[in-house]
Amino acid sequence: MRDLQALPKAHLHLHFTGSMRHATLLELAARDGIHLPDALVSEWPPHLTAADEKGWFRFQRLYDVARSVLRTEDDVRRLVREAAEDDVADGGRWLEIQVDPSGYGARFGGISAFTDLVLDAVRDASERTGLGIAVVIAANRTRHPLDARTLARLAGQYAGRGVVGFGLSNDERRGRTSEFAGAFAIAERAGLLLAPHGGELRGPEHIRVCLDSLHADRLGHGVRAAEDPALLARIVDAGVALEVCPVSNVALGVYSDLTSVPLPTLLEAGATVALGADDPLLFGSRLAGQYTTMRAAHGLGDDQLAELARMSFRASRAPQDVVAASLAAIDAWLAAPDEA
């Protein structure tokens, strides 16, 4: 069995705050006297569920507490640098990190100023680590759709300057997804990748809305397309990639255990799948861990794991030279003797 940390990968589903190292969270909280709940200290990683509104509220509360420890520009730069270092250690060669500037604008001089800060931090982290990094700006579906339009225009202004996509995050059971179509139309006109969350907490019916109303190029999660063969065939035919995050699926109660995550069904149908860590701070597992758990849960061979890695690059907005070099490196990983 070959070393999965050495397998080159692209990481397409990683949230900004959720990428923070646990040790960094504790250190920054101690610095400013911020009280952290036991779920983020002695009981970390927390026991989570999103089966009902109360469970999601608890998850979101922990996320908001984590966001509150980022107080200075240096904190933001540190988070991005450490996220890049962690991805490189896991075999990452390309990262598309998702951020909602509206969650930080009040503290950092507005959404434009914060976006400038993040993009500068991304450039610095990329130079330091050698990891290619781009940004996906995401709207929050619990806020008004007009706020999403503001963020879509912001994302469009930075298209080609470090921002490659536009997303829609938070509890997909909240709000009406179709009402965000205007924001996604703005992003589409700007040539951005369209990557809303869908198909995790809600099933195939919501995936259809994401395809029909938001014109999704990639689906954040999308794993529950496995429940509807006709929908899955449509996704395959359209070339829509699925950002599957197995450990978070189980942590939030979407599936009872890792063997229940229907990755084999998606692969057998011909779907493009990119494994992602979602929020390592809350789920306790980073990029290589997703590959490791799927190898163990489904008995995937190294050839299948290599193809998952290839798909992550094909579904990315990485430059062609990065994709070509990474695909060649995957072939070299697969050609090397295994460690069994």
Protein backbone atom coordinates (compact mmCIF):
# COMPACT_ATOMS: atom_id res chain seq x y z
CA MET A 1 0.00 0.00 0.00
CA ARG A 2 1.52 3.27 -1.15
CA ASP A 3 1.83 6.30 1.14
CA LEU A 4 -1.29 8.40 0.63
CA GLN A 5 0.39 11.51 2.00
CA ALA A 6 2.78 11.32 -0.94
CA LEU A 7 -0.08 11.11 -3.48
CA PRO A 8 -0.38 14.52 -5.23
CA LYS A 9 -3.83 16.05 -4.69
CA ALA A 10 -5.90 19.14 -5.32
CA HIS A 11 -8.05 20.32 -2.42
CA LEU A 12 -11.31 21.88 -3.59
CA HIS A 13 -13.48 21.92 -0.47
CA LEU A 14 -11.85 23.68 2.47
CA HIS A 15 -13.49 26.48 4.44
CA PHE A 16 -11.39 29.40 5.64
CA THR A 17 -12.16 29.38 9.36
CA GLY A 18 -12.50 25.62 9.44
CA SER A 19 -8.97 25.19 8.10
CA MET A 20 -7.47 26.54 11.33
CA ARG A 21 -5.18 24.28 13.33
CA HIS A 22 -6.59 23.28 16.70
CA ALA A 23 -3.36 24.35 18.42
CA THR A 24 -3.62 27.78 16.78
CA LEU A 25 -7.20 28.16 17.98
CA LEU A 26 -6.14 27.45 21.55
CA GLU A 27 -3.15 29.77 21.35
CA LEU A 28 -5.05 32.74 19.90
CA ALA A 29 -7.93 32.29 22.33
CA ALA A 30 -5.52 32.26 25.28
CA ARG A 31 -3.77 35.37 23.98
CA ASP A 32 -6.96 37.42 24.04
CA GLY A 33 -8.71 35.77 26.98
CA ILE A 34 -11.44 34.25 24.81
CA HIS A 35 -13.34 31.48 26.57
CA LEU A 36 -13.72 28.39 24.44
CA PRO A 37 -16.40 25.77 25.06
CA ASP A 38 -15.26 22.32 26.16
CA ALA A 39 -16.15 20.97 22.72
CA LEU A 40 -13.24 22.98 21.33
CA VAL A 41 -10.82 22.19 24.15
CA SER A 42 -11.05 19.07 26.31
CA GLU A 43 -13.68 17.34 24.15
CA TRP A 44 -12.09 18.13 20.79
CA PRO A 45 -12.92 17.14 18.11
CA PRO A 46 -16.51 17.89 19.08
CA HIS A 47 -19.37 15.42 18.83
CA LEU A 48 -21.58 16.94 16.18
CA THR A 49 -24.82 16.32 14.38
CA ALA A 50 -26.88 18.27 11.90
CA ALA A 51 -29.90 16.01 11.91
CA ASP A 52 -32.05 18.85 13.23
CA GLU A 53 -31.97 22.63 13.61
CA LYS A 54 -30.58 22.41 17.15
CA GLY A 55 -27.67 20.28 15.99
CA TRP A 56 -26.77 22.67 13.19
CA PHE A 57 -27.06 25.64 15.56
CA ARG A 58 -24.49 24.01 17.86
CA PHE A 59 -22.16 23.38 14.92
CA GLN A 60 -22.54 26.98 13.75
CA ARG A 61 -21.96 28.34 17.26
CA LEU A 62 -18.63 26.49 17.47
CA TYR A 63 -17.70 27.83 14.05
CA ASP A 64 -18.52 31.40 15.11
CA VAL A 65 -16.43 31.04 18.27
CA ALA A 66 -13.50 29.86 16.17
CA ARG A 67 -13.91 32.83 13.82
CA SER A 68 -13.80 35.23 16.78
CA VAL A 69 -10.16 34.40 17.64
CA LEU A 70 -8.91 35.93 14.38
CA ARG A 71 -8.29 39.50 15.52
CA THR A 72 -5.31 40.81 13.54
CA GLU A 73 -3.94 40.76 10.02
CA ASP A 74 -1.13 38.53 11.24
CA ASP A 75 -3.74 36.05 12.50
CA VAL A 76 -5.26 35.86 9.03
CA ARG A 77 -1.87 35.43 7.41
CA ARG A 78 -0.98 32.71 9.89
CA LEU A 79 -4.19 30.80 9.22
CA VAL A 80 -3.60 30.80 5.46
CA ARG A 81 0.06 29.88 5.81
CA GLU A 82 -0.66 27.00 8.17
CA ALA A 83 -3.49 25.72 5.98
CA ALA A 84 -1.05 25.69 3.06
CA GLU A 85 1.61 23.92 5.12
CA ASP A 86 -0.88 21.28 6.21
CA ASP A 87 -2.04 20.65 2.66
CA VAL A 88 1.54 20.33 1.42
CA ALA A 89 2.23 17.81 4.19
CA ASP A 90 -0.79 15.85 2.93
CA GLY A 91 0.40 15.83 -0.69
CA GLY A 92 -1.49 18.93 -1.74
CA ARG A 93 -0.30 20.75 -4.85
CA TRP A 94 -3.33 23.00 -5.40
CA LEU A 95 -5.85 24.50 -2.97
CA GLU A 96 -9.08 26.40 -3.57
CA ILE A 97 -10.00 27.82 -0.18
CA GLN A 98 -13.53 29.09 0.39
CA VAL A 99 -14.18 32.27 2.35
CA ASP A 100 -17.18 34.46 3.16
CA PRO A 101 -15.79 38.01 3.52
CA SER A 102 -19.01 39.22 5.16
CA GLY A 103 -18.12 37.20 8.25
CA TYR A 104 -14.96 39.27 8.72
CA GLY A 105 -15.70 42.61 7.08
CA ALA A 106 -16.71 44.43 10.27
CA ARG A 107 -13.41 43.62 11.96
CA PHE A 108 -11.10 44.13 9.00
CA GLY A 109 -12.30 47.33 7.34
CA GLY A 110 -15.00 45.97 5.05
CA ILE A 111 -15.40 43.07 2.68
CA SER A 112 -13.09 44.53 0.01
CA ALA A 113 -10.31 45.23 2.49
CA PHE A 114 -10.63 41.75 3.94
CA THR A 115 -10.57 40.16 0.50
CA ASP A 116 -7.41 42.12 -0.29
CA LEU A 117 -5.87 40.83 2.93
CA VAL A 118 -6.78 37.21 2.18
CA LEU A 119 -5.44 37.38 -1.37
CA ASP A 120 -2.20 38.92 -0.15
CA ALA A 121 -1.93 36.18 2.49
CA VAL A 122 -2.58 33.59 -0.22
CA ARG A 123 0.22 34.97 -2.40
CA ASP A 124 2.63 34.95 0.53
CA ALA A 125 1.67 31.42 1.61
CA SER A 126 2.01 30.14 -1.94
CA GLU A 127 5.50 31.61 -2.26
CA ARG A 128 6.55 30.15 1.09
CA THR A 129 5.19 26.64 0.56
CA GLY A 130 5.11 26.14 -3.20
CA LEU A 131 1.41 25.29 -3.03
CA GLY A 132 -0.80 26.82 -5.70
CA ILE A 133 -3.73 28.55 -4.00
CA ALA A 134 -6.87 30.28 -5.24
CA VAL A 135 -9.96 31.64 -3.50
CA VAL A 136 -13.64 30.83 -3.83
CA ILE A 137 -15.82 33.60 -2.39
CA ALA A 138 -18.95 32.16 -0.81
CA ALA A 139 -22.21 33.78 0.18
CA ASN A 140 -24.10 32.71 3.30
CA ARG A 141 -27.51 31.28 2.54
CA THR A 142 -28.85 32.41 5.94
CA ARG A 143 -28.38 36.03 4.84
CA HIS A 144 -30.47 37.97 2.32
CA PRO A 145 -29.99 37.10 -1.37
CA LEU A 146 -29.10 40.75 -2.00
CA ASP A 147 -26.05 40.28 0.22
CA ALA A 148 -25.08 37.39 -2.03
CA ARG A 149 -25.30 39.67 -5.07
CA THR A 150 -22.91 42.09 -3.37
CA LEU A 151 -20.45 39.26 -2.80
CA ALA A 152 -20.87 38.01 -6.37
CA ARG A 153 -19.98 41.45 -7.69
CA LEU A 154 -17.00 41.51 -5.33
CA ALA A 155 -15.87 38.10 -6.57
CA GLY A 156 -16.23 39.28 -10.15
CA GLN A 157 -13.98 42.26 -9.47
CA TYR A 158 -11.23 39.87 -8.40
CA ALA A 159 -11.76 37.31 -11.17
CA GLY A 160 -8.38 36.53 -12.68
CA ARG A 161 -6.65 38.09 -9.66
CA GLY A 162 -6.77 35.17 -7.26
CA VAL A 163 -10.53 34.51 -7.07
CA VAL A 164 -11.67 31.61 -9.25
CA GLY A 165 -15.15 30.80 -8.01
CA PHE A 166 -18.36 31.71 -6.22
CA GLY A 167 -20.18 29.50 -3.72
CA LEU A 168 -23.13 29.33 -1.36
CA SER A 169 -22.62 27.80 2.07
CA ASN A 170 -24.23 27.22 5.49
CA ASP A 171 -27.26 25.02 6.28
CA GLU A 172 -28.77 24.11 2.92
CA ARG A 173 -32.13 23.58 4.60
CA ARG A 174 -32.36 27.33 5.23
CA GLY A 175 -33.72 29.88 2.79
CA ARG A 176 -34.79 29.33 -0.80
CA THR A 177 -31.90 28.38 -3.05
CA SER A 178 -33.61 29.64 -6.19
CA GLU A 179 -33.59 33.17 -4.74
CA PHE A 180 -29.79 33.20 -5.07
CA ALA A 181 -29.97 32.72 -8.84
CA GLY A 182 -29.33 36.43 -9.43
CA ALA A 183 -26.07 36.31 -7.52
CA PHE A 184 -24.91 33.26 -9.41
CA ALA A 185 -25.81 34.89 -12.71
CA ILE A 186 -23.50 37.79 -11.81
CA ALA A 187 -20.70 35.36 -11.00
CA GLU A 188 -21.35 33.37 -14.17
CA ARG A 189 -21.04 36.49 -16.31
CA ALA A 190 -17.70 37.16 -14.65
CA GLY A 191 -16.47 33.75 -15.77
CA LEU A 192 -16.24 32.33 -12.27
CA LEU A 193 -16.65 28.69 -11.30
CA LEU A 194 -20.06 28.14 -9.70
CA ALA A 195 -19.85 25.88 -6.64
CA PRO A 196 -22.86 25.98 -4.29
CA HIS A 197 -23.30 23.58 -1.40
CA GLY A 198 -25.99 21.01 -2.11
CA GLY A 199 -26.75 17.36 -1.64
CA GLU A 200 -25.52 16.77 1.90
CA LEU A 201 -28.18 17.84 4.42
CA ARG A 202 -30.80 17.80 1.66
CA GLY A 203 -31.22 15.19 -1.01
CA PRO A 204 -31.62 14.96 -4.79
CA GLU A 205 -34.43 17.51 -4.98
CA HIS A 206 -32.10 20.23 -3.75
CA ILE A 207 -29.32 19.18 -6.09
CA ARG A 208 -31.71 19.73 -8.98
CA VAL A 209 -32.34 23.28 -7.79
CA CYS A 210 -28.59 23.92 -7.65
CA LEU A 211 -28.25 22.66 -11.21
CA ASP A 212 -31.33 24.36 -12.65
CA SER A 213 -31.30 27.70 -10.81
CA LEU A 214 -27.63 28.22 -9.95
CA HIS A 215 -26.02 26.44 -12.95
CA ALA A 216 -23.56 24.66 -10.67
CA ASP A 217 -20.24 23.60 -12.22
CA ARG A 218 -19.27 21.79 -9.02
CA LEU A 219 -21.38 20.79 -6.05
CA GLY A 220 -20.14 21.33 -2.53
CA HIS A 221 -20.77 17.77 -1.28
CA GLY A 222 -23.36 16.47 -3.76
CA VAL A 223 -22.89 13.03 -2.28
CA ARG A 224 -26.60 12.31 -1.99
CA ALA A 225 -26.90 12.27 -5.76
CA ALA A 226 -26.22 8.57 -5.21
CA GLU A 227 -29.86 8.26 -4.08
CA ASP A 228 -31.22 9.08 -7.54
CA PRO A 229 -29.72 7.20 -10.52
CA ALA A 230 -31.32 9.50 -13.09
CA LEU A 231 -29.97 12.59 -11.37
CA LEU A 232 -26.55 11.01 -11.02
CA ALA A 233 -26.52 10.21 -14.73
CA ARG A 234 -27.40 13.85 -15.46
CA ILE A 235 -24.52 15.02 -13.29
CA VAL A 236 -22.12 12.67 -15.06
CA ASP A 237 -23.31 13.74 -18.50
CA ALA A 238 -22.98 17.43 -17.59
CA GLY A 239 -19.51 16.97 -16.14
CA VAL A 240 -20.49 18.48 -12.79
CA ALA A 241 -17.90 17.55 -10.17
CA LEU A 242 -18.78 16.51 -6.63
CA GLU A 243 -16.74 17.78 -3.68
CA VAL A 244 -17.21 14.81 -1.35
CA CYS A 245 -16.15 15.21 2.29
CA PRO A 246 -16.55 11.76 3.92
CA VAL A 247 -15.45 12.52 7.48
CA SER A 248 -17.73 15.55 7.78
CA ASN A 249 -20.64 13.57 6.28
CA VAL A 250 -20.36 11.09 9.13
CA ALA A 251 -19.64 13.69 11.82
CA LEU A 252 -22.80 15.61 10.91
CA GLY A 253 -24.92 12.47 10.87
CA VAL A 254 -25.61 12.33 7.14
CA TYR A 255 -24.27 8.76 7.19
CA SER A 256 -23.92 6.47 10.18
CA ASP A 257 -20.35 5.42 9.41
CA LEU A 258 -17.66 5.74 6.74
CA THR A 259 -18.65 2.50 5.03
CA SER A 260 -22.06 4.06 4.35
CA VAL A 261 -20.64 7.01 2.40
CA PRO A 262 -21.67 6.02 -1.15
CA LEU A 263 -18.38 6.79 -2.86
CA PRO A 264 -18.35 3.49 -4.81
CA THR A 265 -21.81 4.26 -6.23
CA LEU A 266 -20.63 7.66 -7.45
CA LEU A 267 -17.47 6.24 -8.99
CA GLU A 268 -19.23 3.33 -10.66
CA ALA A 269 -21.61 5.81 -12.31
CA GLY A 270 -18.65 7.74 -13.73
CA ALA A 271 -18.98 10.83 -11.54
CA THR A 272 -16.07 13.22 -11.12
CA VAL A 273 -15.28 13.25 -7.40
CA ALA A 274 -12.81 15.41 -5.49
CA LEU A 275 -12.33 14.46 -1.85
CA GLY A 276 -12.18 17.37 0.60
CA ALA A 277 -11.71 17.95 4.31
CA ASP A 278 -14.44 20.63 4.68
CA ASP A 279 -13.62 21.93 8.21
CA PRO A 280 -10.67 20.09 9.78
CA LEU A 281 -10.91 22.27 12.89
CA LEU A 282 -14.32 20.82 13.71
CA PHE A 283 -14.05 17.37 12.16
CA GLY A 284 -10.48 16.52 13.15
CA SER A 285 -9.38 15.16 9.76
CA ARG A 286 -7.40 16.82 6.99
CA LEU A 287 -6.99 16.11 3.29
CA ALA A 288 -4.98 12.88 3.33
CA GLY A 289 -7.34 11.56 5.99
CA GLN A 290 -10.21 11.56 3.50
CA TYR A 291 -8.26 9.27 1.17
CA THR A 292 -7.13 7.07 4.06
CA THR A 293 -10.65 6.59 5.41
CA MET A 294 -12.10 5.81 1.98
CA ARG A 295 -9.31 3.31 1.33
CA ALA A 296 -10.13 1.55 4.59
CA ALA A 297 -13.92 1.82 4.38
CA HIS A 298 -14.31 0.68 0.78
CA GLY A 299 -11.16 -1.30 0.08
CA LEU A 300 -10.06 1.09 -2.66
CA GLY A 301 -6.93 0.10 -4.53
CA ASP A 302 -4.10 2.47 -5.26
CA ASP A 303 -5.22 2.77 -8.88
CA GLN A 304 -8.65 3.98 -7.71
CA LEU A 305 -7.10 6.40 -5.23
CA ALA A 306 -4.82 7.73 -7.95
CA GLU A 307 -7.83 8.32 -10.19
CA LEU A 308 -9.56 10.22 -7.36
CA ALA A 309 -6.48 12.44 -7.15
CA ARG A 310 -6.47 12.94 -10.93
CA MET A 311 -10.14 13.96 -10.84
CA SER A 312 -9.39 16.55 -8.15
CA PHE A 313 -7.06 18.34 -10.56
CA ARG A 314 -9.38 17.99 -13.54
CA ALA A 315 -12.21 19.55 -11.53
CA SER A 316 -10.02 22.41 -10.31
CA ARG A 317 -9.26 25.84 -11.73
CA ALA A 318 -5.52 25.17 -11.45
CA PRO A 319 -3.34 26.45 -14.32
CA GLN A 320 -2.71 23.88 -17.02
CA ASP A 321 0.97 23.57 -16.18
CA VAL A 322 0.11 22.72 -12.59
CA VAL A 323 -2.45 20.15 -13.72
CA ALA A 324 -0.05 18.53 -16.21
CA ALA A 325 2.82 18.33 -13.72
CA SER A 326 0.53 16.96 -11.01
CA LEU A 327 -0.98 14.29 -13.27
CA ALA A 328 2.53 13.17 -14.19
CA ALA A 329 3.46 13.04 -10.51
CA ILE A 330 0.38 10.91 -9.78
CA ASP A 331 1.45 8.48 -12.51
CA ALA A 332 4.90 8.33 -10.92
CA TRP A 333 3.37 7.65 -7.49
CA LEU A 334 1.36 4.80 -8.95
CA ALA A 335 4.34 3.39 -10.85
CA ALA A 336 6.54 3.28 -7.73
CA PRO A 337 6.73 0.00 -5.76
CA ASP A 338 4.09 -0.26 -3.06
CA GLU A 339 4.97 -0.60 0.61
CA ALA A 340 3.17 -3.85 1.32
